[in-house]
Amino acid sequence: MTMRGGGRAAWNVRRRPWNTRGWAVARPWRGEAAVVLASLVLAVACDGGLARESSGGAANGHAAVVEPEAVTSADAAADEPMVGVLVPEAEVVLVSSGFARLARLDVEVGDHVEQGAVVAEMDVRGDRSELLAATAAWKASKAELDRLALELEQARATRSDVEQLEAFVSKAELREQRYAEKLSAARKRSAGASLEEQRSKMEEASARIAEAELRAPFSGRVARRYVDPGATLSTGESVVQLISDARLIRFAVPESRTKVLHLGAPVMVAFEDEGIEVAGEVVTIAPEIEAGTRLVLAEARVELPQARADALRVGAIGRVRFTNGRGAATPTPIPTPD
């Protein structure tokens, strides 16, 4: 199995900007979250525009009437919850490395898998046969190398004996023994190169067999099954998609409130429809302000117990508030009657 755009038996991880070995990063959940956030922000902006039109009429007269609620409007805006969307911290698509048959796929959509568990396996009968042939050739090359090592040792001993009798033997015989020693050394080097070649073939076949098993890179759930067992797959064809158990809340912060936004800022996230409220902390902040909405996108990691994680699905809408420290929300004063 291979990654899209990468080596064999890997995955296509969709996370924040880390990206190694040519992994193609794609973030469909994040894209959908951005669309949801943009729609909600536009709705809020329209309401704000109507309010500004109502207050703008006073500017044309000689005096403006200040309602009691206007005194605390700025503080109330500062404490207004921000809209967020629940997204997985990581996604992975396992793909085929080449033209092969899918031998096994043991999971269904929604199944939970642990990190390192085998999710699917390709047919590797051809690779196993190639490994056996390469192993046999390696053993033969190893035996040949051992024989030539002994032959070289014998040639060196013979040449040494002849050199000690140099005064009693002809120069031609001495030259012949030296040539035999060099020839034995050359044969040994050739056998060593052949041995390395066979070892490389063994390692390559072993790697293909190991990589034919698609393993989960993290604990999570099956989001999609693209094929069924027995299907013949081409290079780079998707097999299964996983999403991690870890969750992030992606939310939009108005430009006026970015001074309280920083990495590690604690937040509380309320999922009103599900009746769940959880704590989290900011882990990523976009480096730019959205031109149209004047919002900064941020992500906070939320810790969800298993019971709550089962109740909250990816894509759930939450309302985010800063809690304390530099991200503390400004308390809204309650008007008292005269």
C-alpha atoms as a PDB file:
ATOM      1  CA  MET A   1       0.000   0.000   0.000  1.00  0.00           C
ATOM      2  CA  THR A   2       1.187   3.528  -0.599  1.00  0.00           C
ATOM      3  CA  MET A   3       0.448   7.053   0.303  1.00  0.00           C
ATOM      4  CA  ARG A   4      -0.890   9.378  -2.326  1.00  0.00           C
ATOM      5  CA  GLY A   5       2.140  11.026  -3.749  1.00  0.00           C
ATOM      6  CA  GLY A   6       4.457   9.025  -1.458  1.00  0.00           C
ATOM      7  CA  GLY A   7       5.984   5.611  -0.751  1.00  0.00           C
ATOM      8  CA  ARG A   8       4.326   2.304  -0.040  1.00  0.00           C
ATOM      9  CA  ALA A   9       1.947   1.203   2.680  1.00  0.00           C
ATOM     10  CA  ALA A  10       1.286   4.459   4.249  1.00  0.00           C
ATOM     11  CA  TRP A  11      -1.502   6.863   4.756  1.00  0.00           C
ATOM     12  CA  ASN A  12      -2.627  10.234   3.682  1.00  0.00           C
ATOM     13  CA  VAL A  13      -2.859  12.188   6.922  1.00  0.00           C
ATOM     14  CA  ARG A  14      -4.995  15.244   7.099  1.00  0.00           C
ATOM     15  CA  ARG A  15      -3.783  17.387   9.932  1.00  0.00           C
ATOM     16  CA  ARG A  16      -2.464  20.844  10.497  1.00  0.00           C
ATOM     17  CA  PRO A  17       0.448  21.824   8.293  1.00  0.00           C
ATOM     18  CA  TRP A  18       2.835  18.970   9.166  1.00  0.00           C
ATOM     19  CA  ASN A  19       3.264  16.926   6.017  1.00  0.00           C
ATOM     20  CA  THR A  20       6.041  14.391   5.448  1.00  0.00           C
ATOM     21  CA  ARG A  21       7.175  12.110   2.624  1.00  0.00           C
ATOM     22  CA  GLY A  22       4.934  13.804   0.102  1.00  0.00           C
ATOM     23  CA  TRP A  23       1.678  13.157   1.952  1.00  0.00           C
ATOM     24  CA  ALA A  24      -1.128  15.006   0.282  1.00  0.00           C
ATOM     25  CA  VAL A  25      -2.980  16.986   2.925  1.00  0.00           C
ATOM     26  CA  ALA A  26      -6.723  17.378   2.498  1.00  0.00           C
ATOM     27  CA  ARG A  27      -9.175  18.646   5.078  1.00  0.00           C
ATOM     28  CA  PRO A  28     -12.793  18.081   3.988  1.00  0.00           C
ATOM     29  CA  TRP A  29     -14.125  18.433   7.524  1.00  0.00           C
ATOM     30  CA  ARG A  30     -12.213  21.690   7.903  1.00  0.00           C
ATOM     31  CA  GLY A  31     -13.577  22.975   4.596  1.00  0.00           C
ATOM     32  CA  GLU A  32     -17.141  22.150   5.612  1.00  0.00           C
ATOM     33  CA  ALA A  33     -16.525  23.782   8.975  1.00  0.00           C
ATOM     34  CA  ALA A  34     -15.360  26.959   7.258  1.00  0.00           C
ATOM     35  CA  VAL A  35     -18.523  27.058   5.130  1.00  0.00           C
ATOM     36  CA  VAL A  36     -20.726  26.630   8.213  1.00  0.00           C
ATOM     37  CA  LEU A  37     -18.826  29.297  10.101  1.00  0.00           C
ATOM     38  CA  ALA A  38     -19.039  31.703   7.161  1.00  0.00           C
ATOM     39  CA  SER A  39     -22.818  31.223   6.889  1.00  0.00           C
ATOM     40  CA  LEU A  40     -23.362  31.792  10.600  1.00  0.00           C
ATOM     41  CA  VAL A  41     -21.098  34.827  10.612  1.00  0.00           C
ATOM     42  CA  LEU A  42     -22.993  36.389   7.713  1.00  0.00           C
ATOM     43  CA  ALA A  43     -26.258  35.941   9.587  1.00  0.00           C
ATOM     44  CA  VAL A  44     -24.819  37.630  12.654  1.00  0.00           C
ATOM     45  CA  ALA A  45     -23.405  40.421  10.502  1.00  0.00           C
ATOM     46  CA  CYS A  46     -26.818  41.085   8.961  1.00  0.00           C
ATOM     47  CA  ASP A  47     -28.375  41.444  12.419  1.00  0.00           C
ATOM     48  CA  GLY A  48     -25.611  43.831  13.390  1.00  0.00           C
ATOM     49  CA  GLY A  49     -26.214  45.867  10.242  1.00  0.00           C
ATOM     50  CA  LEU A  50     -29.867  46.369  11.147  1.00  0.00           C
ATOM     51  CA  ALA A  51     -28.882  47.525  14.602  1.00  0.00           C
ATOM     52  CA  ARG A  52     -26.447  50.036  13.139  1.00  0.00           C
ATOM     53  CA  GLU A  53     -29.147  51.389  10.804  1.00  0.00           C
ATOM     54  CA  SER A  54     -31.491  51.922  13.768  1.00  0.00           C
ATOM     55  CA  SER A  55     -28.848  53.767  15.755  1.00  0.00           C
ATOM     56  CA  GLY A  56     -27.697  55.763  12.735  1.00  0.00           C
ATOM     57  CA  GLY A  57     -30.934  57.717  12.598  1.00  0.00           C
ATOM     58  CA  ALA A  58     -30.059  59.560  15.792  1.00  0.00           C
ATOM     59  CA  ALA A  59     -26.977  60.971  14.180  1.00  0.00           C
ATOM     60  CA  ASN A  60     -29.101  63.039  11.778  1.00  0.00           C
ATOM     61  CA  GLY A  61     -31.010  64.823  14.595  1.00  0.00           C
ATOM     62  CA  HIS A  62     -29.909  67.332  17.181  1.00  0.00           C
ATOM     63  CA  ALA A  63     -29.776  64.781  20.006  1.00  0.00           C
ATOM     64  CA  ALA A  64     -29.740  61.043  20.453  1.00  0.00           C
ATOM     65  CA  VAL A  65     -31.757  59.167  23.008  1.00  0.00           C
ATOM     66  CA  VAL A  66     -29.554  56.724  24.940  1.00  0.00           C
ATOM     67  CA  GLU A  67     -31.405  53.653  26.063  1.00  0.00           C
ATOM     68  CA  PRO A  68     -30.345  52.031  29.363  1.00  0.00           C
ATOM     69  CA  GLU A  69     -29.336  48.870  27.524  1.00  0.00           C
ATOM     70  CA  ALA A  70     -26.857  50.825  25.362  1.00  0.00           C
ATOM     71  CA  VAL A  71     -24.607  51.398  28.340  1.00  0.00           C
ATOM     72  CA  THR A  72     -23.691  47.732  28.535  1.00  0.00           C
ATOM     73  CA  SER A  73     -23.846  46.895  24.798  1.00  0.00           C
ATOM     74  CA  ALA A  74     -20.057  46.942  24.355  1.00  0.00           C
ATOM     75  CA  ASP A  75     -19.505  44.680  27.343  1.00  0.00           C
ATOM     76  CA  ALA A  76     -22.229  42.330  26.162  1.00  0.00           C
ATOM     77  CA  ALA A  77     -20.634  42.101  22.704  1.00  0.00           C
ATOM     78  CA  ALA A  78     -17.308  41.238  24.277  1.00  0.00           C
ATOM     79  CA  ASP A  79     -18.938  38.334  26.114  1.00  0.00           C
ATOM     80  CA  GLU A  80     -20.903  37.075  23.109  1.00  0.00           C
ATOM     81  CA  PRO A  81     -20.157  33.364  22.453  1.00  0.00           C
ATOM     82  CA  MET A  82     -18.355  32.469  19.233  1.00  0.00           C
ATOM     83  CA  VAL A  83     -19.646  29.841  16.857  1.00  0.00           C
ATOM     84  CA  GLY A  84     -17.508  26.717  16.445  1.00  0.00           C
ATOM     85  CA  VAL A  85     -17.651  23.419  14.562  1.00  0.00           C
ATOM     86  CA  LEU A  86     -16.349  20.091  15.904  1.00  0.00           C
ATOM     87  CA  VAL A  87     -13.718  18.512  13.632  1.00  0.00           C
ATOM     88  CA  PRO A  88     -11.346  15.525  13.993  1.00  0.00           C
ATOM     89  CA  GLU A  89      -7.764  16.313  14.905  1.00  0.00           C
ATOM     90  CA  ALA A  90      -6.466  13.957  12.197  1.00  0.00           C
ATOM     91  CA  GLU A  91      -7.782  12.062   9.191  1.00  0.00           C
ATOM     92  CA  VAL A  92      -6.122   9.369   7.107  1.00  0.00           C
ATOM     93  CA  VAL A  93      -6.909   7.687   3.793  1.00  0.00           C
ATOM     94  CA  LEU A  94      -5.176   4.367   3.186  1.00  0.00           C
ATOM     95  CA  VAL A  95      -4.508   3.780  -0.521  1.00  0.00           C
ATOM     96  CA  SER A  96      -3.215   1.024  -2.782  1.00  0.00           C
ATOM     97  CA  SER A  97       0.428   0.986  -3.847  1.00  0.00           C
ATOM     98  CA  GLY A  98      -0.157  -0.633  -7.208  1.00  0.00           C
ATOM     99  CA  PHE A  99      -2.212  -3.055  -9.241  1.00  0.00           C
ATOM    100  CA  ALA A 100      -3.270  -5.591  -6.619  1.00  0.00           C
ATOM    101  CA  ARG A 101      -6.249  -7.455  -5.211  1.00  0.00           C
ATOM    102  CA  LEU A 102      -7.723  -6.547  -1.827  1.00  0.00           C
ATOM    103  CA  ALA A 103      -7.561  -9.769   0.154  1.00  0.00           C
ATOM    104  CA  ARG A 104      -9.086  -8.637   3.458  1.00  0.00           C
ATOM    105  CA  LEU A 105     -11.066  -5.693   4.843  1.00  0.00           C
ATOM    106  CA  ASP A 106     -12.434  -6.413   8.301  1.00  0.00           C
ATOM    107  CA  VAL A 107     -14.035  -3.091   9.277  1.00  0.00           C
ATOM    108  CA  GLU A 108     -17.327  -1.356   8.579  1.00  0.00           C
ATOM    109  CA  VAL A 109     -18.207   2.342   8.654  1.00  0.00           C
ATOM    110  CA  GLY A 110     -18.419   3.492  12.275  1.00  0.00           C
ATOM    111  CA  ASP A 111     -16.190   0.711  13.668  1.00  0.00           C
ATOM    112  CA  HIS A 112     -13.575   1.757  16.217  1.00  0.00           C
ATOM    113  CA  VAL A 113      -9.945   0.727  15.616  1.00  0.00           C
ATOM    114  CA  GLU A 114      -6.945   0.994  17.918  1.00  0.00           C
ATOM    115  CA  GLN A 115      -3.617   2.460  16.901  1.00  0.00           C
ATOM    116  CA  GLY A 116      -1.522  -0.112  15.020  1.00  0.00           C
ATOM    117  CA  ALA A 117      -4.446  -2.462  14.323  1.00  0.00           C
ATOM    118  CA  VAL A 118      -4.588  -4.100  10.878  1.00  0.00           C
ATOM    119  CA  VAL A 119      -7.493  -2.581   8.957  1.00  0.00           C
ATOM    120  CA  ALA A 120      -7.025  -4.205   5.539  1.00  0.00           C
ATOM    121  CA  GLU A 121      -4.567  -6.440   3.682  1.00  0.00           C
ATOM    122  CA  MET A 122      -3.615  -6.811   0.031  1.00  0.00           C
ATOM    123  CA  ASP A 123      -2.917 -10.085  -1.783  1.00  0.00           C
ATOM    124  CA  VAL A 124       0.841 -10.759  -1.475  1.00  0.00           C
ATOM    125  CA  ARG A 125       1.189 -14.276  -2.902  1.00  0.00           C
ATOM    126  CA  GLY A 126       3.408 -13.015  -5.719  1.00  0.00           C
ATOM    127  CA  ASP A 127       5.599 -11.102  -3.287  1.00  0.00           C
ATOM    128  CA  ARG A 128       5.961 -14.160  -1.057  1.00  0.00           C
ATOM    129  CA  SER A 129       7.127 -16.241  -4.019  1.00  0.00           C
ATOM    130  CA  GLU A 130       9.598 -13.534  -4.963  1.00  0.00           C
ATOM    131  CA  LEU A 131      10.883 -13.451  -1.376  1.00  0.00           C
ATOM    132  CA  LEU A 132      11.465 -17.225  -1.396  1.00  0.00           C
ATOM    133  CA  ALA A 133      13.359 -17.015  -4.694  1.00  0.00           C
ATOM    134  CA  ALA A 134      15.459 -14.079  -3.489  1.00  0.00           C
ATOM    135  CA  THR A 135      16.231 -15.898  -0.231  1.00  0.00           C
ATOM    136  CA  ALA A 136      17.406 -19.011  -2.088  1.00  0.00           C
ATOM    137  CA  ALA A 137      19.584 -16.899  -4.399  1.00  0.00           C
ATOM    138  CA  TRP A 138      21.030 -15.076  -1.395  1.00  0.00           C
ATOM    139  CA  LYS A 139      21.980 -18.355   0.282  1.00  0.00           C
ATOM    140  CA  ALA A 140      23.669 -19.562  -2.923  1.00  0.00           C
ATOM    141  CA  SER A 141      25.590 -16.292  -3.224  1.00  0.00           C
ATOM    142  CA  LYS A 142      26.645 -16.542   0.419  1.00  0.00           C
ATOM    143  CA  ALA A 143      27.987 -20.070  -0.117  1.00  0.00           C
ATOM    144  CA  GLU A 144      29.853 -18.962  -3.249  1.00  0.00           C
ATOM    145  CA  LEU A 145      31.392 -16.048  -1.352  1.00  0.00           C
ATOM    146  CA  ASP A 146      32.587 -18.391   1.392  1.00  0.00           C
ATOM    147  CA  ARG A 147      34.156 -20.718  -1.202  1.00  0.00           C
ATOM    148  CA  LEU A 148      35.964 -17.856  -2.929  1.00  0.00           C
ATOM    149  CA  ALA A 149      37.205 -16.568   0.418  1.00  0.00           C
ATOM    150  CA  LEU A 150      38.860 -19.946   1.019  1.00  0.00           C
ATOM    151  CA  GLU A 151      40.196 -19.957  -2.521  1.00  0.00           C
ATOM    152  CA  LEU A 152      41.762 -16.519  -2.007  1.00  0.00           C
ATOM    153  CA  GLU A 153      43.301 -17.634   1.270  1.00  0.00           C
ATOM    154  CA  GLN A 154      44.849 -20.636  -0.483  1.00  0.00           C
ATOM    155  CA  ALA A 155      46.168 -18.458  -3.331  1.00  0.00           C
ATOM    156  CA  ARG A 156      47.833 -16.100  -0.844  1.00  0.00           C
ATOM    157  CA  ALA A 157      49.453 -18.977   1.009  1.00  0.00           C
ATOM    158  CA  THR A 158      50.755 -20.481  -2.259  1.00  0.00           C
ATOM    159  CA  ARG A 159      52.141 -17.133  -3.433  1.00  0.00           C
ATOM    160  CA  SER A 160      53.874 -16.652  -0.066  1.00  0.00           C
ATOM    161  CA  ASP A 161      55.501 -20.105  -0.286  1.00  0.00           C
ATOM    162  CA  VAL A 162      56.733 -19.429  -3.824  1.00  0.00           C
ATOM    163  CA  GLU A 163      58.187 -16.065  -2.822  1.00  0.00           C
ATOM    164  CA  GLN A 164      60.195 -17.757  -0.057  1.00  0.00           C
ATOM    165  CA  LEU A 165      61.677 -20.061  -2.718  1.00  0.00           C
ATOM    166  CA  GLU A 166      62.262 -17.185  -5.153  1.00  0.00           C
ATOM    167  CA  ALA A 167      65.905 -18.204  -5.589  1.00  0.00           C
ATOM    168  CA  PHE A 168      64.888 -21.698  -6.672  1.00  0.00           C
ATOM    169  CA  VAL A 169      61.870 -21.002  -8.926  1.00  0.00           C
ATOM    170  CA  SER A 170      61.483 -19.188 -12.194  1.00  0.00           C
ATOM    171  CA  LYS A 171      60.124 -15.674 -12.435  1.00  0.00           C
ATOM    172  CA  ALA A 172      57.306 -16.941 -14.638  1.00  0.00           C
ATOM    173  CA  GLU A 173      56.066 -19.271 -11.906  1.00  0.00           C
ATOM    174  CA  LEU A 174      56.224 -16.496  -9.308  1.00  0.00           C
ATOM    175  CA  ARG A 175      54.312 -14.175 -11.623  1.00  0.00           C
ATOM    176  CA  GLU A 176      51.681 -16.855 -12.200  1.00  0.00           C
ATOM    177  CA  GLN A 177      51.063 -17.311  -8.458  1.00  0.00           C
ATOM    178  CA  ARG A 178      50.678 -13.552  -7.939  1.00  0.00           C
ATOM    179  CA  TYR A 179      48.229 -13.402 -10.833  1.00  0.00           C
ATOM    180  CA  ALA A 180      46.213 -16.293  -9.336  1.00  0.00           C
ATOM    181  CA  GLU A 181      45.951 -14.432  -6.035  1.00  0.00           C
ATOM    182  CA  LYS A 182      44.649 -11.263  -7.747  1.00  0.00           C
ATOM    183  CA  LEU A 183      42.157 -13.297  -9.771  1.00  0.00           C
ATOM    184  CA  SER A 184      40.808 -14.954  -6.618  1.00  0.00           C
ATOM    185  CA  ALA A 185      40.400 -11.548  -4.943  1.00  0.00           C
ATOM    186  CA  ALA A 186      38.458 -10.226  -7.971  1.00  0.00           C
ATOM    187  CA  ARG A 187      36.156 -13.254  -7.935  1.00  0.00           C
ATOM    188  CA  LYS A 188      35.489 -12.716  -4.236  1.00  0.00           C
ATOM    189  CA  ARG A 189      34.553  -9.064  -4.814  1.00  0.00           C
ATOM    190  CA  SER A 190      32.155 -10.080  -7.586  1.00  0.00           C
ATOM    191  CA  ALA A 191      30.519 -12.667  -5.320  1.00  0.00           C
ATOM    192  CA  GLY A 192      30.178 -10.012  -2.591  1.00  0.00           C
ATOM    193  CA  ALA A 193      28.380  -7.669  -4.998  1.00  0.00           C
ATOM    194  CA  SER A 194      26.026 -10.483  -6.042  1.00  0.00           C
ATOM    195  CA  LEU A 195      25.302 -11.207  -2.380  1.00  0.00           C
ATOM    196  CA  GLU A 196      24.370  -7.562  -1.758  1.00  0.00           C
ATOM    197  CA  GLU A 197      22.075  -7.601  -4.798  1.00  0.00           C
ATOM    198  CA  GLN A 198      20.203 -10.654  -3.533  1.00  0.00           C
ATOM    199  CA  ARG A 199      19.950  -9.128  -0.047  1.00  0.00           C
ATOM    200  CA  SER A 200      18.410  -5.996  -1.576  1.00  0.00           C
ATOM    201  CA  LYS A 201      15.801  -8.096  -3.398  1.00  0.00           C
ATOM    202  CA  MET A 202      14.971  -9.904  -0.164  1.00  0.00           C
ATOM    203  CA  GLU A 203      14.523  -6.647   1.741  1.00  0.00           C
ATOM    204  CA  GLU A 204      12.353  -5.165  -1.008  1.00  0.00           C
ATOM    205  CA  ALA A 205      10.071  -8.209  -1.105  1.00  0.00           C
ATOM    206  CA  SER A 206       9.861  -8.274   2.703  1.00  0.00           C
ATOM    207  CA  ALA A 207       8.944  -4.578   2.747  1.00  0.00           C
ATOM    208  CA  ARG A 208       6.167  -5.111   0.203  1.00  0.00           C
ATOM    209  CA  ILE A 209       4.733  -7.935   2.298  1.00  0.00           C
ATOM    210  CA  ALA A 210       4.852  -5.846   5.472  1.00  0.00           C
ATOM    211  CA  GLU A 211       3.367  -2.820   3.731  1.00  0.00           C
ATOM    212  CA  ALA A 212       0.517  -4.873   2.310  1.00  0.00           C
ATOM    213  CA  GLU A 213      -1.048  -4.641   5.774  1.00  0.00           C
ATOM    214  CA  LEU A 214      -2.841  -1.329   6.253  1.00  0.00           C
ATOM    215  CA  ARG A 215      -2.539  -0.338   9.904  1.00  0.00           C
ATOM    216  CA  ALA A 216      -4.300   2.466  11.736  1.00  0.00           C
ATOM    217  CA  PRO A 217      -1.822   5.262  12.568  1.00  0.00           C
ATOM    218  CA  PHE A 218      -3.981   6.367  15.501  1.00  0.00           C
ATOM    219  CA  SER A 219      -7.037   5.294  17.458  1.00  0.00           C
ATOM    220  CA  GLY A 220     -10.205   6.355  15.714  1.00  0.00           C
ATOM    221  CA  ARG A 221     -13.243   5.341  13.701  1.00  0.00           C
ATOM    222  CA  VAL A 222     -13.862   4.286  10.124  1.00  0.00           C
ATOM    223  CA  ALA A 223     -15.406   7.202   8.235  1.00  0.00           C
ATOM    224  CA  ARG A 224     -15.626   5.625   4.749  1.00  0.00           C
ATOM    225  CA  ARG A 225     -15.121   2.315   2.972  1.00  0.00           C
ATOM    226  CA  TYR A 226     -14.323   2.855  -0.685  1.00  0.00           C
ATOM    227  CA  VAL A 227     -14.029  -0.792  -1.834  1.00  0.00           C
ATOM    228  CA  ASP A 228     -14.925  -4.335  -0.792  1.00  0.00           C
ATOM    229  CA  PRO A 229     -12.706  -7.413  -0.341  1.00  0.00           C
ATOM    230  CA  GLY A 230     -11.803  -9.050  -3.643  1.00  0.00           C
ATOM    231  CA  ALA A 231     -11.687  -5.792  -5.577  1.00  0.00           C
ATOM    232  CA  THR A 232      -8.704  -5.221  -7.867  1.00  0.00           C
ATOM    233  CA  LEU A 233      -7.154  -1.840  -7.110  1.00  0.00           C
ATOM    234  CA  SER A 234      -4.946   0.419  -9.175  1.00  0.00           C
ATOM    235  CA  THR A 235      -2.114   2.574  -7.877  1.00  0.00           C
ATOM    236  CA  GLY A 236      -3.255   5.209  -5.393  1.00  0.00           C
ATOM    237  CA  GLU A 237      -6.860   3.992  -5.196  1.00  0.00           C
ATOM    238  CA  SER A 238      -8.510   4.711  -1.827  1.00  0.00           C
ATOM    239  CA  VAL A 239      -9.368   1.781   0.418  1.00  0.00           C
ATOM    240  CA  VAL A 240     -10.608   3.181   3.732  1.00  0.00           C
ATOM    241  CA  GLN A 241     -10.723   6.520   5.576  1.00  0.00           C
ATOM    242  CA  LEU A 242     -10.199   6.928   9.322  1.00  0.00           C
ATOM    243  CA  ILE A 243     -10.805   9.887  11.627  1.00  0.00           C
ATOM    244  CA  SER A 244      -9.075  10.152  14.989  1.00  0.00           C
ATOM    245  CA  ASP A 245     -10.748  10.034  18.387  1.00  0.00           C
ATOM    246  CA  ALA A 246      -9.120  13.358  19.298  1.00  0.00           C
ATOM    247  CA  ARG A 247     -11.365  16.345  18.567  1.00  0.00           C
ATOM    248  CA  LEU A 248     -10.877  20.042  17.856  1.00  0.00           C
ATOM    249  CA  ILE A 249     -13.379  22.874  17.915  1.00  0.00           C
ATOM    250  CA  ARG A 250     -12.807  25.293  15.056  1.00  0.00           C
ATOM    251  CA  PHE A 251     -14.205  28.744  15.730  1.00  0.00           C
ATOM    252  CA  ALA A 252     -14.047  32.322  14.475  1.00  0.00           C
ATOM    253  CA  VAL A 253     -12.838  35.195  16.671  1.00  0.00           C
ATOM    254  CA  PRO A 254     -13.854  38.783  15.790  1.00  0.00           C
ATOM    255  CA  GLU A 255     -10.952  41.107  15.058  1.00  0.00           C
ATOM    256  CA  SER A 256     -11.874  43.267  18.040  1.00  0.00           C
ATOM    257  CA  ARG A 257     -11.339  40.330  20.415  1.00  0.00           C
ATOM    258  CA  THR A 258      -8.047  38.992  19.059  1.00  0.00           C
ATOM    259  CA  LYS A 259      -6.085  40.664  21.854  1.00  0.00           C
ATOM    260  CA  VAL A 260      -7.333  37.941  24.216  1.00  0.00           C
ATOM    261  CA  LEU A 261      -6.549  35.140  21.730  1.00  0.00           C
ATOM    262  CA  HIS A 262      -3.295  33.251  22.309  1.00  0.00           C
ATOM    263  CA  LEU A 263      -1.980  29.696  22.234  1.00  0.00           C
ATOM    264  CA  GLY A 264      -3.039  27.846  25.357  1.00  0.00           C
ATOM    265  CA  ALA A 265      -5.968  30.167  26.078  1.00  0.00           C
ATOM    266  CA  PRO A 266      -8.636  28.193  28.000  1.00  0.00           C
ATOM    267  CA  VAL A 267     -12.128  28.025  26.554  1.00  0.00           C
ATOM    268  CA  MET A 268     -15.476  26.478  27.382  1.00  0.00           C
ATOM    269  CA  VAL A 269     -17.495  24.941  24.577  1.00  0.00           C
ATOM    270  CA  ALA A 270     -21.250  24.445  24.936  1.00  0.00           C
ATOM    271  CA  PHE A 271     -23.041  22.066  22.578  1.00  0.00           C
ATOM    272  CA  GLU A 272     -26.558  23.245  23.309  1.00  0.00           C
ATOM    273  CA  ASP A 273     -28.434  20.710  21.187  1.00  0.00           C
ATOM    274  CA  GLU A 274     -26.679  17.836  22.936  1.00  0.00           C
ATOM    275  CA  GLY A 275     -26.685  19.470  26.391  1.00  0.00           C
ATOM    276  CA  ILE A 276     -22.910  19.018  26.762  1.00  0.00           C
ATOM    277  CA  GLU A 277     -20.300  21.542  27.923  1.00  0.00           C
ATOM    278  CA  VAL A 278     -16.578  20.754  27.847  1.00  0.00           C
ATOM    279  CA  ALA A 279     -13.327  22.602  28.464  1.00  0.00           C
ATOM    280  CA  GLY A 280     -10.510  23.073  25.954  1.00  0.00           C
ATOM    281  CA  GLU A 281      -7.484  25.152  25.063  1.00  0.00           C
ATOM    282  CA  VAL A 282      -6.428  26.982  21.927  1.00  0.00           C
ATOM    283  CA  VAL A 283      -3.827  25.039  19.911  1.00  0.00           C
ATOM    284  CA  THR A 284      -3.744  26.829  16.544  1.00  0.00           C
ATOM    285  CA  ILE A 285      -4.375  30.394  15.402  1.00  0.00           C
ATOM    286  CA  ALA A 286      -4.624  31.483  11.773  1.00  0.00           C
ATOM    287  CA  PRO A 287      -1.891  33.993  10.830  1.00  0.00           C
ATOM    288  CA  GLU A 288      -4.264  36.276   8.933  1.00  0.00           C
ATOM    289  CA  ILE A 289      -7.594  38.037   9.324  1.00  0.00           C
ATOM    290  CA  GLU A 290     -10.306  37.035   6.862  1.00  0.00           C
ATOM    291  CA  ALA A 291     -10.773  40.057   4.593  1.00  0.00           C
ATOM    292  CA  GLY A 292     -14.521  39.775   4.124  1.00  0.00           C
ATOM    293  CA  THR A 293     -15.610  38.921   7.665  1.00  0.00           C
ATOM    294  CA  ARG A 294     -12.749  40.434   9.726  1.00  0.00           C
ATOM    295  CA  LEU A 295     -12.505  37.175  11.648  1.00  0.00           C
ATOM    296  CA  VAL A 296      -9.527  35.101  12.784  1.00  0.00           C
ATOM    297  CA  LEU A 297      -9.972  31.323  12.645  1.00  0.00           C
ATOM    298  CA  ALA A 298      -8.641  29.322  15.591  1.00  0.00           C
ATOM    299  CA  GLU A 299      -8.776  25.740  16.840  1.00  0.00           C
ATOM    300  CA  ALA A 300      -9.015  24.476  20.395  1.00  0.00           C
ATOM    301  CA  ARG A 301      -8.438  20.906  21.531  1.00  0.00           C
ATOM    302  CA  VAL A 302     -11.281  19.570  23.661  1.00  0.00           C
ATOM    303  CA  GLU A 303     -11.061  16.579  25.973  1.00  0.00           C
ATOM    304  CA  LEU A 304     -14.150  14.412  25.581  1.00  0.00           C
ATOM    305  CA  PRO A 305     -14.863  11.373  27.778  1.00  0.00           C
ATOM    306  CA  GLN A 306     -15.866   8.341  25.740  1.00  0.00           C
ATOM    307  CA  ALA A 307     -19.523   8.650  26.715  1.00  0.00           C
ATOM    308  CA  ARG A 308     -19.661  12.259  25.541  1.00  0.00           C
ATOM    309  CA  ALA A 309     -17.560  11.542  22.455  1.00  0.00           C
ATOM    310  CA  ASP A 310     -20.153   8.996  21.310  1.00  0.00           C
ATOM    311  CA  ALA A 311     -22.904  11.607  21.721  1.00  0.00           C
ATOM    312  CA  LEU A 312     -21.028  14.291  19.765  1.00  0.00           C
ATOM    313  CA  ARG A 313     -20.538  13.739  16.057  1.00  0.00           C
ATOM    314  CA  VAL A 314     -18.088  15.518  13.833  1.00  0.00           C
ATOM    315  CA  GLY A 315     -19.745  18.656  12.476  1.00  0.00           C
ATOM    316  CA  ALA A 316     -21.656  19.458  15.680  1.00  0.00           C
ATOM    317  CA  ILE A 317     -22.099  23.189  16.328  1.00  0.00           C
ATOM    318  CA  GLY A 318     -20.778  24.574  19.611  1.00  0.00           C
ATOM    319  CA  ARG A 319     -20.603  27.994  21.250  1.00  0.00           C
ATOM    320  CA  VAL A 320     -17.164  28.974  22.470  1.00  0.00           C
ATOM    321  CA  ARG A 321     -16.297  31.359  25.304  1.00  0.00           C
ATOM    322  CA  PHE A 322     -12.952  32.364  26.737  1.00  0.00           C
ATOM    323  CA  THR A 323     -12.892  31.473  30.422  1.00  0.00           C
ATOM    324  CA  ASN A 324     -10.033  32.968  32.426  1.00  0.00           C
ATOM    325  CA  GLY A 325      -6.527  34.387  32.283  1.00  0.00           C
ATOM    326  CA  ARG A 326      -5.804  36.509  29.245  1.00  0.00           C
ATOM    327  CA  GLY A 327      -8.770  34.939  27.504  1.00  0.00           C
ATOM    328  CA  ALA A 328     -11.291  35.774  30.216  1.00  0.00           C
ATOM    329  CA  ALA A 329     -14.653  36.876  29.002  1.00  0.00           C
ATOM    330  CA  THR A 330     -15.818  40.263  30.224  1.00  0.00           C
ATOM    331  CA  PRO A 331     -18.749  39.831  32.607  1.00  0.00           C
ATOM    332  CA  THR A 332     -21.972  41.442  31.427  1.00  0.00           C
ATOM    333  CA  PRO A 333     -23.352  43.969  33.969  1.00  0.00           C
ATOM    334  CA  ILE A 334     -26.977  43.434  34.925  1.00  0.00           C
ATOM    335  CA  PRO A 335     -28.998  46.701  34.948  1.00  0.00           C
ATOM    336  CA  THR A 336     -30.742  47.407  38.264  1.00  0.00           C
ATOM    337  CA  PRO A 337     -34.107  49.150  38.395  1.00  0.00           C
ATOM    338  CA  ASP A 338     -34.187  52.710  39.848  1.00  0.00           C
END
